[in-house]
């Protein structure tokens, strides 16, 4: 697996319906643990949740948005930064590519 390849999660803009191996490694979760997780569950703080909800609403309406850098919460409590790009699939679901940037270091 190439470390620069993005992880991919498939979702309906509310819940994860599938995830590739890179996503499992990045979030430090088993595949079955990722499935049915809410998208905003991977958000490290309340201030970011409104942004994710706003993005998902815009994606439902437009089908695709420009890439954006966001912080993500792992199952072990650590946080990382990644660039996300979401696009609508032919079956009505969405694929989000999550390209790892760096760990979020606390001051």
PDB file of N, CA and C in Angstrom:
ATOM      1  N   UNK A   1       0.844  -1.182   0.000  1.00  0.00           N
ATOM      2  CA  UNK A   1       0.000   0.000   0.000  1.00  0.00           C
ATOM      3  C   UNK A   1       0.888   1.244   0.000  1.00  0.00           C
ATOM      4  N   UNK A   2       0.633   2.124  -0.912  1.00  0.00           N
ATOM      5  CA  UNK A   2       1.396   3.356  -1.034  1.00  0.00           C
ATOM      6  C   UNK A   2       0.896   4.361   0.008  1.00  0.00           C
ATOM      7  N   UNK A   3       1.771   4.893   0.874  1.00  0.00           N
ATOM      8  CA  UNK A   3       1.319   5.809   1.935  1.00  0.00           C
ATOM      9  C   UNK A   3       0.761   7.132   1.415  1.00  0.00           C
ATOM     10  N   UNK A   4       1.018   7.470   0.148  1.00  0.00           N
ATOM     11  CA  UNK A   4       0.466   8.725  -0.353  1.00  0.00           C
ATOM     12  C   UNK A   4      -0.895   8.541  -1.025  1.00  0.00           C
ATOM     13  N   UNK A   5      -1.323   7.292  -1.233  1.00  0.00           N
ATOM     14  CA  UNK A   5      -2.658   7.051  -1.758  1.00  0.00           C
ATOM     15  C   UNK A   5      -3.690   7.446  -0.713  1.00  0.00           C
ATOM     16  N   UNK A   6      -4.753   8.118  -1.136  1.00  0.00           N
ATOM     17  CA  UNK A   6      -5.764   8.513  -0.152  1.00  0.00           C
ATOM     18  C   UNK A   6      -6.598   7.321   0.313  1.00  0.00           C
ATOM     19  N   UNK A   7      -7.096   7.437   1.532  1.00  0.00           N
ATOM     20  CA  UNK A   7      -8.076   6.483   2.040  1.00  0.00           C
ATOM     21  C   UNK A   7      -9.419   6.861   1.426  1.00  0.00           C
ATOM     22  N   UNK A   8     -10.309   5.882   1.282  1.00  0.00           N
ATOM     23  CA  UNK A   8     -11.620   6.164   0.705  1.00  0.00           C
ATOM     24  C   UNK A   8     -12.709   5.586   1.599  1.00  0.00           C
ATOM     25  N   UNK A   9     -13.668   6.444   1.941  1.00  0.00           N
ATOM     26  CA  UNK A   9     -14.873   5.969   2.615  1.00  0.00           C
ATOM     27  C   UNK A   9     -16.058   6.242   1.699  1.00  0.00           C
ATOM     28  N   UNK A  10     -17.004   5.329   1.699  1.00  0.00           N
ATOM     29  CA  UNK A  10     -18.241   5.479   0.945  1.00  0.00           C
ATOM     30  C   UNK A  10     -19.343   5.749   1.961  1.00  0.00           C
ATOM     31  N   UNK A  11     -20.197   6.720   1.647  1.00  0.00           N
ATOM     32  CA  UNK A  11     -21.220   7.127   2.606  1.00  0.00           C
ATOM     33  C   UNK A  11     -22.431   7.703   1.894  1.00  0.00           C
ATOM     34  N   UNK A  12     -23.488   7.940   2.680  1.00  0.00           N
ATOM     35  CA  UNK A  12     -24.704   8.562   2.148  1.00  0.00           C
ATOM     36  C   UNK A  12     -24.813  10.018   2.599  1.00  0.00           C
ATOM     37  N   UNK A  13     -23.726  10.604   3.044  1.00  0.00           N
ATOM     38  CA  UNK A  13     -23.538  11.943   3.632  1.00  0.00           C
ATOM     39  C   UNK A  13     -23.948  11.994   5.096  1.00  0.00           C
ATOM     40  N   UNK A  14     -24.408  10.885   5.621  1.00  0.00           N
ATOM     41  CA  UNK A  14     -24.751  10.837   7.041  1.00  0.00           C
ATOM     42  C   UNK A  14     -23.991   9.719   7.769  1.00  0.00           C
ATOM     43  N   UNK A  15     -23.909   8.553   7.150  1.00  0.00           N
ATOM     44  CA  UNK A  15     -23.268   7.391   7.757  1.00  0.00           C
ATOM     45  C   UNK A  15     -22.336   6.708   6.759  1.00  0.00           C
ATOM     46  N   UNK A  16     -21.291   6.097   7.288  1.00  0.00           N
ATOM     47  CA  UNK A  16     -20.335   5.349   6.467  1.00  0.00           C
ATOM     48  C   UNK A  16     -20.960   4.007   6.093  1.00  0.00           C
ATOM     49  N   UNK A  17     -20.904   3.668   4.809  1.00  0.00           N
ATOM     50  CA  UNK A  17     -21.432   2.383   4.352  1.00  0.00           C
ATOM     51  C   UNK A  17     -20.328   1.427   3.897  1.00  0.00           C
ATOM     52  N   UNK A  18     -19.139   1.970   3.606  1.00  0.00           N
ATOM     53  CA  UNK A  18     -17.994   1.125   3.257  1.00  0.00           C
ATOM     54  C   UNK A  18     -16.710   1.927   3.447  1.00  0.00           C
ATOM     55  N   UNK A  19     -15.615   1.214   3.613  1.00  0.00           N
ATOM     56  CA  UNK A  19     -14.307   1.859   3.801  1.00  0.00           C
ATOM     57  C   UNK A  19     -13.235   0.917   3.279  1.00  0.00           C
ATOM     58  N   UNK A  20     -12.205   1.491   2.660  1.00  0.00           N
ATOM     59  CA  UNK A  20     -11.114   0.647   2.184  1.00  0.00           C
ATOM     60  C   UNK A  20     -10.112   0.391   3.311  1.00  0.00           C
ATOM     61  N   UNK A  21      -9.122  -0.433   3.003  1.00  0.00           N
ATOM     62  CA  UNK A  21      -8.123  -0.815   4.009  1.00  0.00           C
ATOM     63  C   UNK A  21      -7.354   0.395   4.533  1.00  0.00           C
ATOM     64  N   UNK A  22      -7.048   1.351   3.653  1.00  0.00           N
ATOM     65  CA  UNK A  22      -6.316   2.551   4.074  1.00  0.00           C
ATOM     66  C   UNK A  22      -7.123   3.352   5.092  1.00  0.00           C
ATOM     67  N   UNK A  23      -8.439   3.421   4.907  1.00  0.00           N
ATOM     68  CA  UNK A  23      -9.289   4.137   5.862  1.00  0.00           C
ATOM     69  C   UNK A  23      -9.258   3.446   7.225  1.00  0.00           C
ATOM     70  N   UNK A  24      -9.300   2.132   7.214  1.00  0.00           N
ATOM     71  CA  UNK A  24      -9.235   1.381   8.474  1.00  0.00           C
ATOM     72  C   UNK A  24      -7.927   1.667   9.201  1.00  0.00           C
ATOM     73  N   UNK A  25      -6.824   1.661   8.462  1.00  0.00           N
ATOM     74  CA  UNK A  25      -5.520   1.945   9.066  1.00  0.00           C
ATOM     75  C   UNK A  25      -5.446   3.388   9.562  1.00  0.00           C
ATOM     76  N   UNK A  26      -5.934   4.317   8.778  1.00  0.00           N
ATOM     77  CA  UNK A  26      -5.867   5.727   9.137  1.00  0.00           C
ATOM     78  C   UNK A  26      -6.672   6.035  10.396  1.00  0.00           C
ATOM     79  N   UNK A  27      -7.874   5.455  10.497  1.00  0.00           N
ATOM     80  CA  UNK A  27      -8.731   5.700  11.663  1.00  0.00           C
ATOM     81  C   UNK A  27      -8.462   4.721  12.805  1.00  0.00           C
ATOM     82  N   UNK A  28      -7.577   3.743  12.539  1.00  0.00           N
ATOM     83  CA  UNK A  28      -7.205   2.731  13.542  1.00  0.00           C
ATOM     84  C   UNK A  28      -8.429   1.968  14.038  1.00  0.00           C
ATOM     85  N   UNK A  29      -9.219   1.515  13.059  1.00  0.00           N
ATOM     86  CA  UNK A  29     -10.442   0.760  13.352  1.00  0.00           C
ATOM     87  C   UNK A  29     -10.539  -0.427  12.394  1.00  0.00           C
ATOM     88  N   UNK A  30     -11.229  -1.456  12.840  1.00  0.00           N
ATOM     89  CA  UNK A  30     -11.548  -2.572  11.962  1.00  0.00           C
ATOM     90  C   UNK A  30     -12.641  -2.127  10.992  1.00  0.00           C
ATOM     91  N   UNK A  31     -12.715  -2.789   9.850  1.00  0.00           N
ATOM     92  CA  UNK A  31     -13.703  -2.439   8.832  1.00  0.00           C
ATOM     93  C   UNK A  31     -15.115  -2.427   9.414  1.00  0.00           C
ATOM     94  N   UNK A  32     -15.473  -3.471  10.133  1.00  0.00           N
ATOM     95  CA  UNK A  32     -16.827  -3.570  10.705  1.00  0.00           C
ATOM     96  C   UNK A  32     -17.116  -2.459  11.710  1.00  0.00           C
ATOM     97  N   UNK A  33     -16.091  -1.955  12.380  1.00  0.00           N
ATOM     98  CA  UNK A  33     -16.276  -0.855  13.329  1.00  0.00           C
ATOM     99  C   UNK A  33     -16.569   0.465  12.621  1.00  0.00           C
ATOM    100  N   UNK A  34     -16.009   0.649  11.431  1.00  0.00           N
ATOM    101  CA  UNK A  34     -16.225   1.890  10.680  1.00  0.00           C
ATOM    102  C   UNK A  34     -17.621   1.959  10.057  1.00  0.00           C
ATOM    103  N   UNK A  35     -18.134   0.797   9.655  1.00  0.00           N
ATOM    104  CA  UNK A  35     -19.424   0.763   8.974  1.00  0.00           C
ATOM    105  C   UNK A  35     -20.529   1.245   9.914  1.00  0.00           C
ATOM    106  N   UNK A  36     -21.383   2.104   9.388  1.00  0.00           N
ATOM    107  CA  UNK A  36     -22.529   2.697  10.066  1.00  0.00           C
ATOM    108  C   UNK A  36     -22.154   3.790  11.069  1.00  0.00           C
ATOM    109  N   UNK A  37     -20.878   4.187  11.094  1.00  0.00           N
ATOM    110  CA  UNK A  37     -20.464   5.310  11.940  1.00  0.00           C
ATOM    111  C   UNK A  37     -21.002   6.605  11.328  1.00  0.00           C
ATOM    112  N   UNK A  38     -21.463   7.544  12.165  1.00  0.00           N
ATOM    113  CA  UNK A  38     -21.877   8.836  11.617  1.00  0.00           C
ATOM    114  C   UNK A  38     -20.656   9.616  11.130  1.00  0.00           C
ATOM    115  N   UNK A  39     -20.818  10.341  10.036  1.00  0.00           N
ATOM    116  CA  UNK A  39     -19.683  11.113   9.505  1.00  0.00           C
ATOM    117  C   UNK A  39     -19.187  12.145  10.501  1.00  0.00           C
ATOM    118  N   UNK A  40     -20.078  12.766  11.240  1.00  0.00           N
ATOM    119  CA  UNK A  40     -19.624  13.781  12.193  1.00  0.00           C
ATOM    120  C   UNK A  40     -18.985  13.152  13.426  1.00  0.00           C
ATOM    121  N   UNK A  41     -19.059  11.834  13.559  1.00  0.00           N
ATOM    122  CA  UNK A  41     -18.417  11.148  14.673  1.00  0.00           C
ATOM    123  C   UNK A  41     -16.904  11.219  14.605  1.00  0.00           C
ATOM    124  N   UNK A  42     -16.363  11.443  13.416  1.00  0.00           N
ATOM    125  CA  UNK A  42     -14.922  11.543  13.248  1.00  0.00           C
ATOM    126  C   UNK A  42     -14.399  12.954  13.383  1.00  0.00           C
ATOM    127  N   UNK A  43     -15.228  13.830  13.947  1.00  0.00           N
ATOM    128  CA  UNK A  43     -14.873  15.232  14.100  1.00  0.00           C
ATOM    129  C   UNK A  43     -14.375  15.477  15.516  1.00  0.00           C
ATOM    130  N   UNK A  44     -13.210  16.111  15.682  1.00  0.00           N
ATOM    131  CA  UNK A  44     -12.610  16.227  17.013  1.00  0.00           C
ATOM    132  C   UNK A  44     -13.278  17.186  17.983  1.00  0.00           C
ATOM    133  N   UNK A  45     -14.053  18.138  17.512  1.00  0.00           N
ATOM    134  CA  UNK A  45     -14.688  19.049  18.459  1.00  0.00           C
ATOM    135  C   UNK A  45     -16.016  19.569  17.921  1.00  0.00           C
ATOM    136  N   UNK A  46     -16.810  20.110  18.799  1.00  0.00           N
ATOM    137  CA  UNK A  46     -18.147  20.593  18.453  1.00  0.00           C
ATOM    138  C   UNK A  46     -18.114  21.695  17.405  1.00  0.00           C
ATOM    139  N   UNK A  47     -17.093  22.535  17.443  1.00  0.00           N
ATOM    140  CA  UNK A  47     -17.003  23.643  16.495  1.00  0.00           C
ATOM    141  C   UNK A  47     -16.880  23.152  15.052  1.00  0.00           C
ATOM    142  N   UNK A  48     -16.284  21.992  14.859  1.00  0.00           N
ATOM    143  CA  UNK A  48     -16.105  21.457  13.514  1.00  0.00           C
ATOM    144  C   UNK A  48     -17.349  20.729  13.005  1.00  0.00           C
ATOM    145  N   UNK A  49     -18.215  20.271  13.906  1.00  0.00           N
ATOM    146  CA  UNK A  49     -19.374  19.484  13.483  1.00  0.00           C
ATOM    147  C   UNK A  49     -20.307  20.276  12.581  1.00  0.00           C
ATOM    148  N   UNK A  50     -20.505  21.562  12.868  1.00  0.00           N
ATOM    149  CA  UNK A  50     -21.388  22.353  12.002  1.00  0.00           C
ATOM    150  C   UNK A  50     -20.813  22.472  10.600  1.00  0.00           C
ATOM    151  N   UNK A  51     -19.467  22.527  10.501  1.00  0.00           N
ATOM    152  CA  UNK A  51     -18.821  22.625   9.197  1.00  0.00           C
ATOM    153  C   UNK A  51     -19.043  21.343   8.390  1.00  0.00           C
ATOM    154  N   UNK A  52     -18.894  20.196   9.049  1.00  0.00           N
ATOM    155  CA  UNK A  52     -19.111  18.916   8.369  1.00  0.00           C
ATOM    156  C   UNK A  52     -20.564  18.807   7.928  1.00  0.00           C
ATOM    157  N   UNK A  53     -21.500  19.167   8.801  1.00  0.00           N
ATOM    158  CA  UNK A  53     -22.919  19.108   8.437  1.00  0.00           C
ATOM    159  C   UNK A  53     -23.215  20.024   7.250  1.00  0.00           C
ATOM    160  N   UNK A  54     -22.634  21.215   7.248  1.00  0.00           N
ATOM    161  CA  UNK A  54     -22.819  22.154   6.145  1.00  0.00           C
ATOM    162  C   UNK A  54     -22.242  21.594   4.844  1.00  0.00           C
ATOM    163  N   UNK A  55     -21.053  21.012   4.921  1.00  0.00           N
ATOM    164  CA  UNK A  55     -20.436  20.398   3.735  1.00  0.00           C
ATOM    165  C   UNK A  55     -21.281  19.265   3.190  1.00  0.00           C
ATOM    166  N   UNK A  56     -21.801  18.424   4.059  1.00  0.00           N
ATOM    167  CA  UNK A  56     -22.598  17.287   3.610  1.00  0.00           C
ATOM    168  C   UNK A  56     -23.903  17.757   2.953  1.00  0.00           C
ATOM    169  N   UNK A  57     -24.509  18.795   3.487  1.00  0.00           N
ATOM    170  CA  UNK A  57     -25.715  19.351   2.875  1.00  0.00           C
ATOM    171  C   UNK A  57     -25.394  19.899   1.481  1.00  0.00           C
ATOM    172  N   UNK A  58     -24.284  20.611   1.368  1.00  0.00           N
ATOM    173  CA  UNK A  58     -23.880  21.162   0.071  1.00  0.00           C
ATOM    174  C   UNK A  58     -23.549  20.048  -0.923  1.00  0.00           C
ATOM    175  N   UNK A  59     -22.935  18.982  -0.449  1.00  0.00           N
ATOM    176  CA  UNK A  59     -22.595  17.856  -1.321  1.00  0.00           C
ATOM    177  C   UNK A  59     -23.858  17.165  -1.812  1.00  0.00           C
ATOM    178  N   UNK A  60     -24.858  17.007  -0.946  1.00  0.00           N
ATOM    179  CA  UNK A  60     -26.128  16.408  -1.370  1.00  0.00           C
ATOM    180  C   UNK A  60     -26.756  17.231  -2.488  1.00  0.00           C
ATOM    181  N   UNK A  61     -26.643  18.561  -2.393  1.00  0.00           N
ATOM    182  CA  UNK A  61     -27.242  19.442  -3.396  1.00  0.00           C
ATOM    183  C   UNK A  61     -26.417  19.541  -4.672  1.00  0.00           C
ATOM    184  N   UNK A  62     -25.101  19.621  -4.543  1.00  0.00           N
ATOM    185  CA  UNK A  62     -24.237  19.861  -5.711  1.00  0.00           C
ATOM    186  C   UNK A  62     -23.553  18.615  -6.249  1.00  0.00           C
ATOM    187  N   UNK A  63     -23.407  17.581  -5.426  1.00  0.00           N
ATOM    188  CA  UNK A  63     -22.753  16.356  -5.860  1.00  0.00           C
ATOM    189  C   UNK A  63     -21.250  16.327  -5.657  1.00  0.00           C
ATOM    190  N   UNK A  64     -20.631  17.503  -5.568  1.00  0.00           N
ATOM    191  CA  UNK A  64     -19.175  17.558  -5.401  1.00  0.00           C
ATOM    192  C   UNK A  64     -18.790  18.952  -4.904  1.00  0.00           C
ATOM    193  N   UNK A  65     -17.740  19.009  -4.108  1.00  0.00           N
ATOM    194  CA  UNK A  65     -17.194  20.282  -3.634  1.00  0.00           C
ATOM    195  C   UNK A  65     -15.688  20.280  -3.810  1.00  0.00           C
ATOM    196  N   UNK A  66     -15.095  21.455  -3.744  1.00  0.00           N
ATOM    197  CA  UNK A  66     -13.638  21.551  -3.803  1.00  0.00           C
ATOM    198  C   UNK A  66     -13.043  20.850  -2.584  1.00  0.00           C
ATOM    199  N   UNK A  67     -11.816  20.335  -2.712  1.00  0.00           N
ATOM    200  CA  UNK A  67     -11.161  19.701  -1.564  1.00  0.00           C
ATOM    201  C   UNK A  67     -11.018  20.681  -0.398  1.00  0.00           C
ATOM    202  N   UNK A  68     -11.057  20.134   0.798  1.00  0.00           N
ATOM    203  CA  UNK A  68     -10.920  20.947   1.997  1.00  0.00           C
ATOM    204  C   UNK A  68     -10.074  20.205   3.023  1.00  0.00           C
ATOM    205  N   UNK A  69      -9.292  20.968   3.787  1.00  0.00           N
ATOM    206  CA  UNK A  69      -8.490  20.380   4.870  1.00  0.00           C
ATOM    207  C   UNK A  69      -9.315  20.374   6.149  1.00  0.00           C
ATOM    208  N   UNK A  70      -9.364  19.202   6.785  1.00  0.00           N
ATOM    209  CA  UNK A  70     -10.148  19.036   8.006  1.00  0.00           C
ATOM    210  C   UNK A  70      -9.363  18.204   9.015  1.00  0.00           C
ATOM    211  N   UNK A  71      -9.721  18.352  10.276  1.00  0.00           N
ATOM    212  CA  UNK A  71      -9.158  17.521  11.339  1.00  0.00           C
ATOM    213  C   UNK A  71     -10.096  16.337  11.565  1.00  0.00           C
ATOM    214  N   UNK A  72      -9.507  15.162  11.816  1.00  0.00           N
ATOM    215  CA  UNK A  72     -10.280  13.948  12.051  1.00  0.00           C
ATOM    216  C   UNK A  72      -9.868  13.310  13.366  1.00  0.00           C
ATOM    217  N   UNK A  73     -10.836  12.730  14.035  1.00  0.00           N
ATOM    218  CA  UNK A  73     -10.626  12.042  15.308  1.00  0.00           C
ATOM    219  C   UNK A  73     -10.538  10.542  15.059  1.00  0.00           C
ATOM    220  N   UNK A  74      -9.488   9.924  15.582  1.00  0.00           N
ATOM    221  CA  UNK A  74      -9.335   8.472  15.491  1.00  0.00           C
ATOM    222  C   UNK A  74     -10.014   7.793  16.679  1.00  0.00           C
ATOM    223  N   UNK A  75     -10.167   6.494  16.574  1.00  0.00           N
ATOM    224  CA  UNK A  75     -10.803   5.723  17.645  1.00  0.00           C
ATOM    225  C   UNK A  75      -9.999   5.770  18.941  1.00  0.00           C
ATOM    226  N   UNK A  76      -8.676   5.994  18.856  1.00  0.00           N
ATOM    227  CA  UNK A  76      -7.841   6.037  20.059  1.00  0.00           C
ATOM    228  C   UNK A  76      -7.745   7.441  20.660  1.00  0.00           C
ATOM    229  N   UNK A  77      -8.473   8.407  20.069  1.00  0.00           N
ATOM    230  CA  UNK A  77      -8.482   9.771  20.594  1.00  0.00           C
ATOM    231  C   UNK A  77      -7.475  10.700  19.949  1.00  0.00           C
ATOM    232  N   UNK A  78      -6.563  10.165  19.143  1.00  0.00           N
ATOM    233  CA  UNK A  78      -5.606  11.035  18.457  1.00  0.00           C
ATOM    234  C   UNK A  78      -6.304  11.739  17.286  1.00  0.00           C
ATOM    235  N   UNK A  79      -5.706  12.835  16.852  1.00  0.00           N
ATOM    236  CA  UNK A  79      -6.300  13.665  15.798  1.00  0.00           C
ATOM    237  C   UNK A  79      -5.276  13.853  14.682  1.00  0.00           C
ATOM    238  N   UNK A  80      -5.747  13.823  13.449  1.00  0.00           N
ATOM    239  CA  UNK A  80      -4.874  14.072  12.304  1.00  0.00           C
ATOM    240  C   UNK A  80      -5.556  15.029  11.333  1.00  0.00           C
ATOM    241  N   UNK A  81      -4.741  15.698  10.519  1.00  0.00           N
ATOM    242  CA  UNK A  81      -5.227  16.591   9.469  1.00  0.00           C
ATOM    243  C   UNK A  81      -5.165  15.855   8.139  1.00  0.00           C
ATOM    244  N   UNK A  82      -6.194  16.097   7.318  1.00  0.00           N
ATOM    245  CA  UNK A  82      -6.238  15.476   5.997  1.00  0.00           C
ATOM    246  C   UNK A  82      -6.987  16.377   5.030  1.00  0.00           C
ATOM    247  N   UNK A  83      -6.703  16.184   3.759  1.00  0.00           N
ATOM    248  CA  UNK A  83      -7.460  16.878   2.724  1.00  0.00           C
ATOM    249  C   UNK A  83      -8.528  15.925   2.217  1.00  0.00           C
ATOM    250  N   UNK A  84      -9.763  16.424   2.143  1.00  0.00           N
ATOM    251  CA  UNK A  84     -10.896  15.597   1.736  1.00  0.00           C
ATOM    252  C   UNK A  84     -11.470  16.072   0.421  1.00  0.00           C
ATOM    253  N   UNK A  85     -11.804  15.116  -0.394  1.00  0.00           N
ATOM    254  CA  UNK A  85     -12.484  15.416  -1.653  1.00  0.00           C
ATOM    255  C   UNK A  85     -13.615  14.403  -1.792  1.00  0.00           C
ATOM    256  N   UNK A  86     -14.833  14.907  -1.987  1.00  0.00           N
ATOM    257  CA  UNK A  86     -16.003  14.046  -2.076  1.00  0.00           C
ATOM    258  C   UNK A  86     -16.640  14.179  -3.449  1.00  0.00           C
ATOM    259  N   UNK A  87     -17.068  13.040  -3.975  1.00  0.00           N
ATOM    260  CA  UNK A  87     -17.781  13.063  -5.250  1.00  0.00           C
ATOM    261  C   UNK A  87     -18.939  12.073  -5.210  1.00  0.00           C
ATOM    262  N   UNK A  88     -19.979  12.399  -5.953  1.00  0.00           N
ATOM    263  CA  UNK A  88     -21.164  11.551  -5.999  1.00  0.00           C
ATOM    264  C   UNK A  88     -20.935  10.399  -6.971  1.00  0.00           C
ATOM    265  N   UNK A  89     -21.396   9.223  -6.572  1.00  0.00           N
ATOM    266  CA  UNK A  89     -21.300   8.041  -7.418  1.00  0.00           C
ATOM    267  C   UNK A  89     -22.593   7.871  -8.218  1.00  0.00           C
ATOM    268  N   UNK A  90     -22.551   7.002  -9.197  1.00  0.00           N
ATOM    269  CA  UNK A  90     -23.733   6.745 -10.023  1.00  0.00           C
ATOM    270  C   UNK A  90     -24.875   6.108  -9.229  1.00  0.00           C
ATOM    271  N   UNK A  91     -24.544   5.399  -8.140  1.00  0.00           N
ATOM    272  CA  UNK A  91     -25.580   4.735  -7.349  1.00  0.00           C
ATOM    273  C   UNK A  91     -26.194   5.642  -6.288  1.00  0.00           C
ATOM    274  N   UNK A  92     -25.816   6.925  -6.275  1.00  0.00           N
ATOM    275  CA  UNK A  92     -26.380   7.871  -5.314  1.00  0.00           C
ATOM    276  C   UNK A  92     -25.595   8.011  -4.030  1.00  0.00           C
ATOM    277  N   UNK A  93     -24.633   7.115  -3.794  1.00  0.00           N
ATOM    278  CA  UNK A  93     -23.767   7.238  -2.628  1.00  0.00           C
ATOM    279  C   UNK A  93     -22.621   8.180  -2.970  1.00  0.00           C
ATOM    280  N   UNK A  94     -21.762   8.445  -1.987  1.00  0.00           N
ATOM    281  CA  UNK A  94     -20.647   9.366  -2.160  1.00  0.00           C
ATOM    282  C   UNK A  94     -19.352   8.699  -1.727  1.00  0.00           C
ATOM    283  N   UNK A  95     -18.275   8.986  -2.442  1.00  0.00           N
ATOM    284  CA  UNK A  95     -16.937   8.554  -2.050  1.00  0.00           C
ATOM    285  C   UNK A  95     -16.172   9.781  -1.584  1.00  0.00           C
ATOM    286  N   UNK A  96     -15.569   9.678  -0.414  1.00  0.00           N
ATOM    287  CA  UNK A  96     -14.695  10.733   0.076  1.00  0.00           C
ATOM    288  C   UNK A  96     -13.281  10.192   0.155  1.00  0.00           C
ATOM    289  N   UNK A  97     -12.381  10.854  -0.567  1.00  0.00           N
ATOM    290  CA  UNK A  97     -10.959  10.533  -0.483  1.00  0.00           C
ATOM    291  C   UNK A  97     -10.372  11.355   0.641  1.00  0.00           C
ATOM    292  N   UNK A  98      -9.634  10.683   1.525  1.00  0.00           N
ATOM    293  CA  UNK A  98      -9.027  11.333   2.683  1.00  0.00           C
ATOM    294  C   UNK A  98      -7.515  11.179   2.550  1.00  0.00           C
ATOM    295  N   UNK A  99      -6.859  12.276   2.213  1.00  0.00           N
ATOM    296  CA  UNK A  99      -5.406  12.248   2.013  1.00  0.00           C
ATOM    297  C   UNK A  99      -4.721  12.804   3.267  1.00  0.00           C
ATOM    298  N   UNK A 100      -4.042  11.933   3.972  1.00  0.00           N
ATOM    299  CA  UNK A 100      -3.352  12.291   5.218  1.00  0.00           C
ATOM    300  C   UNK A 100      -2.340  13.404   4.991  1.00  0.00           C
ATOM    301  N   UNK A 101      -2.341  14.388   5.907  1.00  0.00           N
ATOM    302  CA  UNK A 101      -1.360  15.479   5.859  1.00  0.00           C
ATOM    303  C   UNK A 101      -0.387  15.374   7.030  1.00  0.00           C
ATOM    304  N   UNK A 102      -0.929  15.372   8.260  1.00  0.00           N
ATOM    305  CA  UNK A 102      -0.055  15.330   9.434  1.00  0.00           C
ATOM    306  C   UNK A 102      -0.864  15.025  10.690  1.00  0.00           C
ATOM    307  N   UNK A 103      -0.135  14.713  11.734  1.00  0.00           N
ATOM    308  CA  UNK A 103      -0.756  14.561  13.049  1.00  0.00           C
ATOM    309  C   UNK A 103      -1.109  15.934  13.578  1.00  0.00           C
ATOM    310  N   UNK A 104      -2.123  15.982  14.395  1.00  0.00           N
ATOM    311  CA  UNK A 104      -2.489  17.248  15.071  1.00  0.00           C
ATOM    312  C   UNK A 104      -1.765  17.245  16.418  1.00  0.00           C
ATOM    313  N   UNK A 105      -0.815  18.109  16.542  1.00  0.00           N
ATOM    314  CA  UNK A 105      -0.029  18.161  17.774  1.00  0.00           C
ATOM    315  C   UNK A 105      -0.622  19.191  18.718  1.00  0.00           C
ATOM    316  N   UNK A 106      -0.854  18.784  19.935  1.00  0.00           N
ATOM    317  CA  UNK A 106      -1.391  19.701  20.939  1.00  0.00           C
ATOM    318  C   UNK A 106      -0.294  20.616  21.455  1.00  0.00           C
ATOM    319  N   UNK A 107      -0.624  21.886  21.684  1.00  0.00           N
ATOM    320  CA  UNK A 107       0.401  22.844  22.174  1.00  0.00           C
ATOM    321  C   UNK A 107       0.860  22.519  23.578  1.00  0.00           C
TER     322      UNK A 107
END
